[in-house]
Amino acid sequence: MGLITKEVEVGLGGNNVNHFEDLGYKIPRQLDKQGRLKVIRGTKIIVKVEDLPDGSKALVNVECDNCHKEINNVFWKNYKKYVKDDGRYYCITCASKLFIGEGIRKTRLLNGKSFKVWCYDNLSEELAKKVLLRWNNELNIDIDGNTLTPDDVSYGSAGLNKKGYWFNCLDNPDHKPEQKHIKDYIRGQEGSIKCHQCNTIKNTHPNLIKYFINPNDTAIYSAGSNAKVPMRCPDCGYEKELRIGKLITRGFGCQKCSFGYYPEKFLFNVFEQLLENNFKVQLNKTTFKWCGSYKYDFYINKINGICECHGKQHYVDAKGIWANSSDTQENDKLKEKLARDNGIVNYIVLNCRKSELKWIRNSIMTSILPELLNFKESDIDWLKAHEFACKTRVKEVCDLWSKGFRNVSELVTITKISRTAIRKYLKQGTELNWCIPPYDSKEESKKSQTQPKRIICLTTNEIFDSMLDAYNKYGIQKTNISACCRGKMKSAGKLEDGTKMQWMYYDKYLEKNK
């Protein structure tokens, strides 16, 4: 039977006017206000359904030539889509089934192309083989119990009961076959070829298991999942619900023990890889007097340049001090003008509105930084920078304190974090019992006023808490040691064998040999 509707009413407009006129239909026209003979908007005519353009959205009533089910209001273009070469029409359900005729298995394929053919037409030969090898020949059967192969089903088929088809795991035979829609495989991505169990966080990101309160979640969800699950900071125990995808791209971002923003920490590590110690962070009036009340993210000695990481608030309105983005942008202009007026040659602004590895990497590589610092994308370990950005620097500072670095100046030199931030981190770490012994800001303030600077003898690798201790051991005048540390003298004192002794402030030594 196939087509039930014989004629339909269609509206005239666009290309279909010429189409129907070429077929011999009389097209009504009227004079418009300018005296031109035109087809008036809303004009309709009755046409035979077989004269409709293939892409027409005219509604027709049809009957499946296999199950004889009547289907009303089908778009003409969809009807044409499922009419086979023999002129018979099959509904979606029947089109995906196998028919037995004259002893030969025949398949009615949607869009006339099998899953296997599609793979070889659209994927590389190697990738097509990998996808097709996953096909499970035992579980994929039709309603009559016949085995289905990739030759028998359309790449657009949803499978029996619309639940997809069964696929094996190529890498781990122990993984159970999974039912999945073909469309998930035809993307041709490496992740789509692997089974769900292989793609779970437990296998792809085992280093992140420590954040999940329920470890079973890592065996259920993949890294790209948008699911929100309970997580815990492995350092301080702070708990919150977080989307898994954000953990992968932005890190945990503990509100209790993590200070500092992802872009700044990411860029800090990139500069460490490129420049070692030849850059400064958190510029303020103690770095350059001309900074005044302004603060800048990075200063790069090599190019006499400042690099700023601009977050979302610099581009769109946000909550906080600079609620209006135009105010923020005006402030940015004043900062740049001040820097240039004081001799800064290069002023680089990075778009860091997204705290994600790919976004920040792209911002760096599309900026002028690669040209100024002469580096390529392959010169940077981007994953290392991402991992560093996800770490809590509070824990890093407290661990150094507990290892014996109990001088704030030394911690500033080692971490390149400002003195104010170091003290803030130590206070927070003391509350979390991370500082052993606990940090006492008042006691530290008293010591900083009277405590002498530590020094190191480069000749013997001995570290002294003060120049007085060095004098007591070697009898070298403190003024001479001080002059040597300040670069005014090349050496101060000699060993018994006559070797000249060289000295250096210990914090400067740490900075040089970080």
Protein backbone atom coordinates (compact mmCIF):
# COMPACT_ATOMS: atom_id res chain seq x y z
CA MET A 1 0.00 0.00 0.00
CA GLY A 2 2.67 2.52 1.09
CA LEU A 3 1.27 5.96 0.34
CA ILE A 4 -2.33 6.63 1.44
CA THR A 5 -2.55 10.37 0.76
CA LYS A 6 -2.91 11.19 -2.94
CA GLU A 7 -3.09 14.99 -2.97
CA VAL A 8 -2.02 17.73 -0.58
CA GLU A 9 -2.37 21.48 -0.28
CA VAL A 10 0.94 23.33 -0.33
CA GLY A 11 1.90 26.94 0.21
CA LEU A 12 3.77 28.68 -2.60
CA GLY A 13 7.00 30.51 -2.01
CA GLY A 14 10.70 30.39 -2.75
CA ASN A 15 11.93 27.72 -5.17
CA ASN A 16 8.78 25.59 -5.18
CA VAL A 17 6.97 28.10 -7.45
CA ASN A 18 9.26 27.30 -10.38
CA HIS A 19 9.18 23.59 -9.43
CA PHE A 20 5.39 23.30 -9.73
CA GLU A 21 5.18 25.65 -12.72
CA ASP A 22 7.66 23.41 -14.61
CA LEU A 23 5.39 20.45 -13.86
CA GLY A 24 2.46 22.23 -15.51
CA TYR A 25 0.60 23.58 -12.50
CA LYS A 26 -1.19 26.92 -12.90
CA ILE A 27 0.33 29.42 -10.47
CA PRO A 28 -2.02 32.26 -9.33
CA ARG A 29 -0.41 35.71 -9.56
CA GLN A 30 -1.64 39.23 -8.75
CA LEU A 31 -0.40 42.77 -9.24
CA ASP A 32 1.39 44.21 -6.22
CA LYS A 33 1.52 47.89 -5.19
CA GLN A 34 4.32 48.55 -7.67
CA GLY A 35 2.29 47.03 -10.51
CA ARG A 36 4.41 43.86 -10.70
CA LEU A 37 2.82 40.46 -11.31
CA LYS A 38 3.77 38.35 -8.28
CA VAL A 39 2.70 35.33 -6.24
CA ILE A 40 1.03 36.78 -3.14
CA ARG A 41 2.21 35.54 0.27
CA GLY A 42 -0.10 32.81 1.59
CA THR A 43 -1.17 31.49 -1.82
CA LYS A 44 -1.85 27.72 -1.79
CA ILE A 45 -2.57 25.09 -4.46
CA ILE A 46 -3.51 21.40 -4.51
CA VAL A 47 -0.82 19.08 -5.95
CA LYS A 48 -0.29 15.35 -6.37
CA VAL A 49 1.95 13.94 -3.64
CA GLU A 50 4.32 12.38 -6.15
CA ASP A 51 5.01 15.89 -7.51
CA LEU A 52 6.27 17.17 -4.15
CA PRO A 53 9.99 18.06 -3.93
CA ASP A 54 11.99 15.39 -2.06
CA GLY A 55 12.75 17.83 0.78
CA SER A 56 9.14 18.92 1.27
CA LYS A 57 7.71 19.03 4.79
CA ALA A 58 4.15 18.44 3.57
CA LEU A 59 2.34 15.95 5.82
CA VAL A 60 1.07 12.67 4.35
CA ASN A 61 -0.55 9.51 5.66
CA VAL A 62 1.26 6.23 4.91
CA GLU A 63 1.06 2.50 5.58
CA CYS A 64 4.01 0.17 6.22
CA ASP A 65 4.23 -2.46 3.45
CA ASN A 66 5.50 -5.01 5.99
CA CYS A 67 3.44 -4.69 9.18
CA HIS A 68 0.59 -2.68 7.49
CA LYS A 69 0.57 -0.20 10.34
CA GLU A 70 -1.01 3.14 9.33
CA ILE A 71 1.08 6.17 10.24
CA ASN A 72 -0.43 9.65 9.98
CA ASN A 73 1.18 13.06 9.48
CA VAL A 74 4.58 11.92 8.23
CA PHE A 75 6.81 14.52 6.56
CA TRP A 76 7.07 13.77 2.83
CA LYS A 77 10.87 13.95 3.01
CA ASN A 78 10.87 11.29 5.77
CA TYR A 79 8.56 9.06 3.77
CA LYS A 80 10.92 9.25 0.79
CA LYS A 81 13.81 8.43 3.11
CA TYR A 82 12.42 5.01 3.98
CA VAL A 83 11.16 3.97 0.55
CA LYS A 84 13.49 1.24 -0.73
CA ASP A 85 14.69 0.49 -4.23
CA ASP A 86 11.81 -1.93 -4.75
CA GLY A 87 9.33 0.93 -4.13
CA ARG A 88 8.11 -0.52 -0.84
CA TYR A 89 7.85 1.61 2.32
CA TYR A 90 8.95 0.30 5.70
CA CYS A 91 8.41 1.97 9.06
CA ILE A 92 11.45 2.58 11.28
CA THR A 93 10.92 -0.64 13.24
CA CYS A 94 10.60 -2.83 10.17
CA ALA A 95 13.41 -1.09 8.31
CA SER A 96 15.92 -2.27 10.92
CA LYS A 97 14.79 -5.92 10.92
CA LEU A 98 16.11 -8.81 8.83
CA PHE A 99 13.85 -10.42 6.27
CA ILE A 100 14.15 -13.97 4.97
CA GLY A 101 13.33 -14.38 1.32
CA GLU A 102 14.22 -17.01 -1.28
CA GLY A 103 16.82 -18.48 1.11
CA ILE A 104 18.84 -15.26 1.16
CA ARG A 105 19.21 -13.03 4.27
CA LYS A 106 18.42 -9.46 3.34
CA THR A 107 18.70 -6.39 5.48
CA ARG A 108 16.64 -3.23 5.18
CA LEU A 109 19.22 -0.60 6.15
CA LEU A 110 18.35 2.92 7.24
CA ASN A 111 19.86 5.46 4.81
CA GLY A 112 21.05 2.55 2.68
CA LYS A 113 24.45 2.19 4.41
CA SER A 114 25.57 -0.47 6.89
CA PHE A 115 27.54 0.18 10.06
CA LYS A 116 30.56 -1.62 8.55
CA VAL A 117 30.47 0.36 5.30
CA TRP A 118 30.11 3.61 7.20
CA CYS A 119 33.19 2.84 9.33
CA TYR A 120 35.43 2.19 6.33
CA ASP A 121 34.02 5.21 4.47
CA ASN A 122 34.52 7.68 7.30
CA LEU A 123 37.32 6.37 9.55
CA SER A 124 40.89 5.36 8.93
CA GLU A 125 41.31 1.68 8.12
CA GLU A 126 43.04 1.02 11.45
CA LEU A 127 40.36 2.81 13.45
CA ALA A 128 37.54 1.13 11.52
CA LYS A 129 39.00 -2.30 12.34
CA LYS A 130 39.24 -1.43 16.04
CA VAL A 131 35.62 -0.30 16.17
CA LEU A 132 34.31 -3.33 14.29
CA LEU A 133 36.40 -5.78 16.37
CA ARG A 134 34.39 -4.74 19.40
CA TRP A 135 31.19 -6.14 17.90
CA ASN A 136 29.81 -9.04 20.00
CA ASN A 137 28.62 -11.82 17.66
CA GLU A 138 26.97 -13.85 20.42
CA LEU A 139 24.74 -11.23 22.03
CA ASN A 140 23.75 -9.28 18.92
CA ILE A 141 20.76 -11.22 17.54
CA ASP A 142 17.48 -10.25 15.90
CA ILE A 143 13.96 -11.03 17.13
CA ASP A 144 14.09 -14.40 15.38
CA GLY A 145 17.36 -15.41 17.08
CA ASN A 146 19.53 -14.86 13.99
CA THR A 147 23.04 -13.48 14.50
CA LEU A 148 23.51 -9.85 13.50
CA THR A 149 26.76 -8.55 12.01
CA PRO A 150 27.93 -4.96 11.31
CA ASP A 151 26.87 -5.66 7.68
CA ASP A 152 23.29 -6.24 8.82
CA VAL A 153 22.54 -3.01 10.67
CA SER A 154 22.52 0.63 9.73
CA TYR A 155 25.00 3.03 11.29
CA GLY A 156 21.92 5.07 12.34
CA SER A 157 20.15 2.15 13.97
CA ALA A 158 19.25 2.37 17.66
CA GLY A 159 19.29 -1.41 18.07
CA LEU A 160 16.62 -3.75 19.38
CA ASN A 161 14.36 -1.98 21.90
CA LYS A 162 16.41 1.15 21.09
CA LYS A 163 19.04 0.19 23.68
CA GLY A 164 21.88 -0.19 21.22
CA TYR A 165 24.10 -3.19 20.42
CA TRP A 166 26.57 -5.26 22.42
CA PHE A 167 30.29 -4.49 22.21
CA ASN A 168 33.32 -6.17 23.76
CA CYS A 169 36.38 -4.59 25.34
CA LEU A 170 39.53 -4.98 23.24
CA ASP A 171 42.03 -4.17 25.97
CA ASN A 172 40.60 -6.15 28.91
CA PRO A 173 38.83 -9.42 28.11
CA ASP A 174 37.65 -9.55 31.74
CA HIS A 175 35.48 -6.47 31.25
CA LYS A 176 31.86 -7.38 30.63
CA PRO A 177 30.34 -6.60 27.20
CA GLU A 178 28.36 -3.37 27.23
CA GLN A 179 25.30 -2.26 25.33
CA LYS A 180 25.96 0.96 23.48
CA HIS A 181 24.48 2.91 20.58
CA ILE A 182 26.42 2.87 17.33
CA LYS A 183 26.48 6.67 17.24
CA ASP A 184 28.82 6.58 20.25
CA TYR A 185 31.39 4.73 18.14
CA ILE A 186 31.11 6.48 14.81
CA ARG A 187 32.66 9.64 16.30
CA GLY A 188 36.01 7.96 15.74
CA GLN A 189 37.53 9.17 19.01
CA GLU A 190 39.94 7.03 21.00
CA GLY A 191 37.76 7.31 24.11
CA SER A 192 34.72 6.02 22.22
CA ILE A 193 36.59 2.87 21.15
CA LYS A 194 37.43 1.85 24.70
CA CYS A 195 34.73 0.35 26.90
CA HIS A 196 33.12 2.31 29.71
CA GLN A 197 35.11 0.45 32.37
CA CYS A 198 38.38 1.44 30.66
CA ASN A 199 37.23 5.06 30.55
CA THR A 200 36.42 5.36 34.24
CA ILE A 201 38.45 7.64 36.50
CA LYS A 202 39.83 4.61 38.31
CA ASN A 203 41.72 3.68 35.14
CA THR A 204 42.34 7.05 33.46
CA HIS A 205 43.05 9.28 36.49
CA PRO A 206 44.02 7.07 39.45
CA ASN A 207 45.77 10.06 41.07
CA LEU A 208 42.35 11.66 41.64
CA ILE A 209 40.79 8.78 43.58
CA LYS A 210 41.91 10.43 46.83
CA TYR A 211 39.33 13.22 46.31
CA PHE A 212 36.28 10.92 46.17
CA ILE A 213 34.44 10.21 49.42
CA ASN A 214 32.92 7.14 47.77
CA PRO A 215 35.74 5.34 45.87
CA ASN A 216 33.12 3.33 43.96
CA ASP A 217 32.26 6.50 42.05
CA THR A 218 35.66 6.29 40.34
CA ALA A 219 34.68 2.92 38.86
CA ILE A 220 31.36 4.29 37.58
CA TYR A 221 32.09 7.71 36.12
CA SER A 222 34.46 8.83 33.38
CA ALA A 223 36.64 11.95 33.43
CA GLY A 224 34.24 13.85 31.18
CA SER A 225 31.19 13.15 33.35
CA ASN A 226 28.96 16.02 34.39
CA ALA A 227 27.82 14.13 37.49
CA LYS A 228 28.04 15.94 40.83
CA VAL A 229 29.41 13.72 43.60
CA PRO A 230 30.65 14.28 47.18
CA MET A 231 34.38 14.92 47.42
CA ARG A 232 36.89 15.64 50.18
CA CYS A 233 40.12 17.63 50.29
CA PRO A 234 42.85 15.04 51.01
CA ASP A 235 44.85 17.67 52.92
CA CYS A 236 42.40 19.32 55.31
CA GLY A 237 39.28 17.14 55.04
CA TYR A 238 36.97 19.90 53.73
CA GLU A 239 33.98 18.33 51.96
CA LYS A 240 31.82 19.59 49.12
CA GLU A 241 29.90 18.37 46.08
CA LEU A 242 31.74 18.92 42.81
CA ARG A 243 31.17 18.05 39.17
CA ILE A 244 33.69 15.46 38.04
CA GLY A 245 34.51 17.34 34.84
CA LYS A 246 35.49 20.42 36.89
CA LEU A 247 37.78 18.36 39.11
CA ILE A 248 39.63 17.22 35.97
CA THR A 249 39.95 20.66 34.37
CA ARG A 250 40.18 22.99 37.38
CA GLY A 251 41.23 20.89 40.35
CA PHE A 252 39.47 20.56 43.71
CA GLY A 253 39.82 24.23 44.70
CA CYS A 254 39.57 23.79 48.47
CA GLN A 255 37.94 26.82 50.08
CA LYS A 256 39.55 26.02 53.41
CA CYS A 257 43.23 25.47 52.67
CA SER A 258 43.88 26.53 49.07
CA PHE A 259 44.84 30.12 48.30
CA GLY A 260 45.76 31.56 44.94
CA TYR A 261 44.01 31.23 41.60
CA TYR A 262 44.52 28.49 39.00
CA PRO A 263 45.78 30.75 36.14
CA GLU A 264 48.47 32.44 38.28
CA LYS A 265 49.72 29.13 39.67
CA PHE A 266 49.65 27.56 36.19
CA LEU A 267 51.68 30.42 34.71
CA PHE A 268 54.07 30.39 37.68
CA ASN A 269 55.06 26.81 36.84
CA VAL A 270 55.36 27.59 33.12
CA PHE A 271 57.77 30.44 33.92
CA GLU A 272 59.70 28.18 36.28
CA GLN A 273 60.18 25.71 33.43
CA LEU A 274 61.28 28.45 31.02
CA LEU A 275 63.08 30.99 33.19
CA GLU A 276 64.13 29.18 36.38
CA ASN A 277 64.45 32.06 38.87
CA ASN A 278 64.59 35.01 36.48
CA PHE A 279 61.12 36.36 37.20
CA LYS A 280 59.21 37.94 40.08
CA VAL A 281 55.65 37.38 41.27
CA GLN A 282 53.03 39.46 43.07
CA LEU A 283 54.64 42.80 42.29
CA ASN A 284 53.81 45.69 44.63
CA LYS A 285 55.46 48.83 46.01
CA THR A 286 58.04 46.72 47.86
CA THR A 287 59.19 45.33 44.47
CA PHE A 288 59.04 48.61 42.57
CA LYS A 289 58.18 51.82 44.38
CA TRP A 290 56.29 53.12 41.36
CA CYS A 291 53.67 50.33 41.77
CA GLY A 292 52.07 52.38 44.55
CA SER A 293 48.74 50.80 45.50
CA TYR A 294 48.65 48.59 42.39
CA LYS A 295 49.69 44.94 42.24
CA TYR A 296 50.91 43.04 39.18
CA ASP A 297 51.05 39.26 38.62
CA PHE A 298 54.50 38.69 37.07
CA TYR A 299 57.64 40.60 36.13
CA ILE A 300 60.06 38.95 33.66
CA ASN A 301 63.61 40.28 33.94
CA LYS A 302 64.74 38.97 30.55
CA ILE A 303 62.29 41.07 28.54
CA ASN A 304 61.63 43.85 31.05
CA GLY A 305 57.99 42.88 30.88
CA ILE A 306 54.92 42.47 33.03
CA CYS A 307 52.47 39.63 32.46
CA GLU A 308 48.90 39.88 33.79
CA CYS A 309 46.35 37.04 34.08
CA HIS A 310 42.90 38.51 33.49
CA GLY A 311 40.04 36.43 34.83
CA LYS A 312 36.37 36.51 33.91
CA GLN A 313 35.68 39.70 35.88
CA HIS A 314 37.86 41.65 33.43
CA TYR A 315 35.46 40.82 30.57
CA VAL A 316 31.97 40.45 32.04
CA ASP A 317 30.17 41.90 35.04
CA ALA A 318 30.83 39.93 38.22
CA LYS A 319 30.27 40.14 41.95
CA GLY A 320 32.84 41.68 44.22
CA ILE A 321 34.79 44.92 44.40
CA TRP A 322 34.75 45.45 40.63
CA ALA A 323 31.08 44.64 40.05
CA ASN A 324 31.13 46.42 36.69
CA SER A 325 33.50 45.05 34.06
CA SER A 326 33.92 48.54 32.55
CA ASP A 327 35.32 49.73 35.91
CA THR A 328 37.74 46.82 35.91
CA GLN A 329 38.83 47.53 32.36
CA GLU A 330 39.40 51.20 33.17
CA ASN A 331 41.53 50.15 36.14
CA ASP A 332 43.49 47.80 33.84
CA LYS A 333 44.29 50.72 31.50
CA LEU A 334 45.57 52.83 34.39
CA LYS A 335 47.79 49.96 35.58
CA GLU A 336 49.29 49.45 32.13
CA LYS A 337 49.90 53.18 31.63
CA LEU A 338 51.64 53.42 35.02
CA ALA A 339 53.90 50.47 34.17
CA ARG A 340 54.85 51.81 30.73
CA ASP A 341 55.45 55.30 32.11
CA ASN A 342 57.98 53.72 34.48
CA GLY A 343 60.04 51.97 31.83
CA ILE A 344 58.24 48.62 31.38
CA VAL A 345 58.81 47.71 27.71
CA ASN A 346 56.52 44.68 27.31
CA TYR A 347 53.07 44.44 28.88
CA ILE A 348 51.37 41.10 28.19
CA VAL A 349 47.74 40.41 29.11
CA LEU A 350 46.49 36.80 29.02
CA ASN A 351 42.80 35.97 28.71
CA CYS A 352 42.25 33.62 31.67
CA ARG A 353 38.50 33.81 31.92
CA LYS A 354 38.40 29.99 32.10
CA SER A 355 40.52 28.16 34.68
CA GLU A 356 41.17 25.18 32.42
CA LEU A 357 44.38 23.68 31.06
CA LYS A 358 43.43 23.92 27.37
CA TRP A 359 42.15 27.48 27.70
CA ILE A 360 45.20 28.82 29.55
CA ARG A 361 47.59 26.95 27.25
CA ASN A 362 45.89 28.46 24.21
CA SER A 363 46.02 31.95 25.77
CA ILE A 364 49.76 31.59 26.33
CA MET A 365 50.55 30.19 22.89
CA THR A 366 48.46 32.80 21.02
CA SER A 367 50.06 35.67 22.95
CA ILE A 368 53.40 37.35 22.21
CA LEU A 369 55.12 35.35 24.99
CA PRO A 370 56.42 32.51 22.73
CA GLU A 371 58.07 35.10 20.47
CA LEU A 372 59.53 37.17 23.31
CA LEU A 373 60.85 34.18 25.28
CA ASN A 374 61.65 32.05 22.21
CA PHE A 375 59.83 28.83 23.09
CA LYS A 376 57.54 26.34 21.33
CA GLU A 377 54.48 24.53 22.68
CA SER A 378 56.47 21.29 22.93
CA ASP A 379 59.00 23.01 25.23
CA ILE A 380 56.45 23.12 28.07
CA ASP A 381 55.25 20.22 30.21
CA TRP A 382 51.65 21.42 30.33
CA LEU A 383 50.43 18.56 32.51
CA LYS A 384 53.09 19.43 35.08
CA ALA A 385 51.86 23.04 35.13
CA HIS A 386 48.26 21.83 35.52
CA GLU A 387 49.14 19.53 38.42
CA PHE A 388 51.05 22.34 40.12
CA ALA A 389 48.09 24.71 39.68
CA CYS A 390 45.79 22.19 41.33
CA LYS A 391 48.00 21.82 44.42
CA THR A 392 47.47 23.81 47.58
CA ARG A 393 50.40 26.11 48.19
CA VAL A 394 49.38 26.38 51.83
CA LYS A 395 50.38 22.75 52.35
CA GLU A 396 53.63 23.32 50.46
CA VAL A 397 54.63 26.22 52.74
CA CYS A 398 53.64 24.36 55.91
CA ASP A 399 55.61 21.28 54.87
CA LEU A 400 58.73 23.42 54.38
CA TRP A 401 58.16 24.98 57.81
CA SER A 402 57.90 21.52 59.41
CA LYS A 403 61.12 20.45 57.64
CA GLY A 404 63.03 23.21 59.40
CA PHE A 405 62.68 26.25 57.15
CA ARG A 406 61.34 28.50 59.91
CA ASN A 407 62.53 31.80 58.58
CA VAL A 408 59.89 33.70 56.60
CA SER A 409 62.56 35.26 54.38
CA GLU A 410 63.83 31.81 53.40
CA LEU A 411 60.29 30.66 52.62
CA VAL A 412 59.76 33.72 50.45
CA THR A 413 62.96 32.93 48.55
CA ILE A 414 62.11 29.26 48.05
CA THR A 415 58.44 29.61 47.09
CA LYS A 416 58.46 33.10 45.53
CA ILE A 417 55.29 33.81 47.53
CA SER A 418 55.00 37.22 49.14
CA ARG A 419 55.90 37.68 52.82
CA THR A 420 52.29 38.61 53.64
CA ALA A 421 50.95 35.47 51.95
CA ILE A 422 53.55 33.25 53.67
CA ARG A 423 52.42 34.47 57.08
CA LYS A 424 48.79 33.98 56.09
CA TYR A 425 49.45 30.42 54.95
CA LEU A 426 51.37 29.58 58.14
CA LYS A 427 48.50 30.86 60.30
CA GLN A 428 46.03 28.77 58.31
CA GLY A 429 48.33 25.74 58.46
CA THR A 430 48.70 26.08 62.22
CA GLU A 431 44.90 25.92 62.58
CA LEU A 432 44.94 22.73 60.49
CA ASN A 433 47.82 21.23 62.54
CA TRP A 434 50.11 21.22 59.51
CA CYS A 435 52.87 23.32 61.12
CA ILE A 436 55.18 21.45 63.49
CA PRO A 437 55.96 23.29 65.68
CA PRO A 438 52.99 25.68 65.40
CA TYR A 439 53.64 29.07 63.84
CA ASP A 440 53.40 32.05 66.19
CA SER A 441 53.23 35.37 64.32
CA LYS A 442 54.13 37.42 67.42
CA GLU A 443 57.12 35.23 68.20
CA GLU A 444 58.22 35.36 64.56
CA SER A 445 57.97 39.16 64.61
CA LYS A 446 60.22 39.35 67.69
CA LYS A 447 62.78 37.01 66.12
CA SER A 448 62.81 38.93 62.83
CA GLN A 449 63.87 42.04 64.73
CA THR A 450 66.81 40.40 66.50
CA GLN A 451 67.53 37.20 64.60
CA PRO A 452 70.68 37.36 62.43
CA LYS A 453 70.66 36.08 58.87
CA ARG A 454 71.79 32.52 58.20
CA ILE A 455 74.87 32.07 56.06
CA ILE A 456 76.59 29.22 54.22
CA CYS A 457 80.25 28.60 53.61
CA LEU A 458 80.43 27.60 49.95
CA THR A 459 83.85 26.07 50.46
CA THR A 460 82.79 23.58 53.15
CA ASN A 461 78.99 23.56 52.60
CA GLU A 462 78.50 24.41 56.29
CA ILE A 463 75.38 26.35 57.27
CA PHE A 464 75.56 28.79 60.19
CA ASP A 465 72.65 30.45 61.98
CA SER A 466 74.69 33.65 62.27
CA MET A 467 78.03 35.22 61.39
CA LEU A 468 78.88 35.02 65.09
CA ASP A 469 78.71 31.21 64.90
CA ALA A 470 81.11 31.27 61.95
CA TYR A 471 83.45 33.60 63.86
CA ASN A 472 83.41 31.30 66.89
CA LYS A 473 84.47 28.34 64.75
CA TYR A 474 86.96 29.92 62.35
CA GLY A 475 87.82 33.26 64.00
CA ILE A 476 86.94 35.21 60.83
CA GLN A 477 85.78 38.78 61.40
CA LYS A 478 82.03 39.24 60.90
CA THR A 479 82.62 42.37 58.83
CA ASN A 480 84.70 40.35 56.35
CA ILE A 481 82.09 37.59 56.11
CA SER A 482 79.40 40.22 55.61
CA ALA A 483 81.43 41.89 52.87
CA CYS A 484 81.86 38.55 51.13
CA CYS A 485 78.13 37.81 51.34
CA ARG A 486 77.36 41.22 49.87
CA GLY A 487 79.80 40.70 47.00
CA LYS A 488 82.29 43.30 48.21
CA MET A 489 84.99 40.67 48.80
CA LYS A 490 85.67 37.42 46.93
CA SER A 491 86.59 35.49 50.08
CA ALA A 492 86.95 35.81 53.85
CA GLY A 493 89.32 33.60 55.82
CA LYS A 494 91.29 30.47 54.91
CA LEU A 495 91.21 26.80 55.85
CA GLU A 496 94.28 25.13 57.38
CA ASP A 497 95.47 24.03 53.92
CA GLY A 498 95.28 27.63 52.70
CA THR A 499 92.05 27.25 50.71
CA LYS A 500 90.18 30.56 50.57
CA MET A 501 86.68 30.49 52.08
CA GLN A 502 83.73 31.90 50.20
CA TRP A 503 80.46 32.89 51.90
CA MET A 504 76.89 33.58 50.91
CA TYR A 505 73.62 34.50 52.60
CA TYR A 506 71.70 31.24 52.89
CA ASP A 507 68.45 32.63 51.46
CA LYS A 508 70.36 33.88 48.39
CA TYR A 509 72.00 30.47 48.11
CA LEU A 510 68.57 28.79 48.13
CA GLU A 511 67.29 31.15 45.47
CA LYS A 512 70.28 30.48 43.24
CA ASN A 513 70.21 26.70 43.70
CA LYS A 514 66.47 26.08 43.90
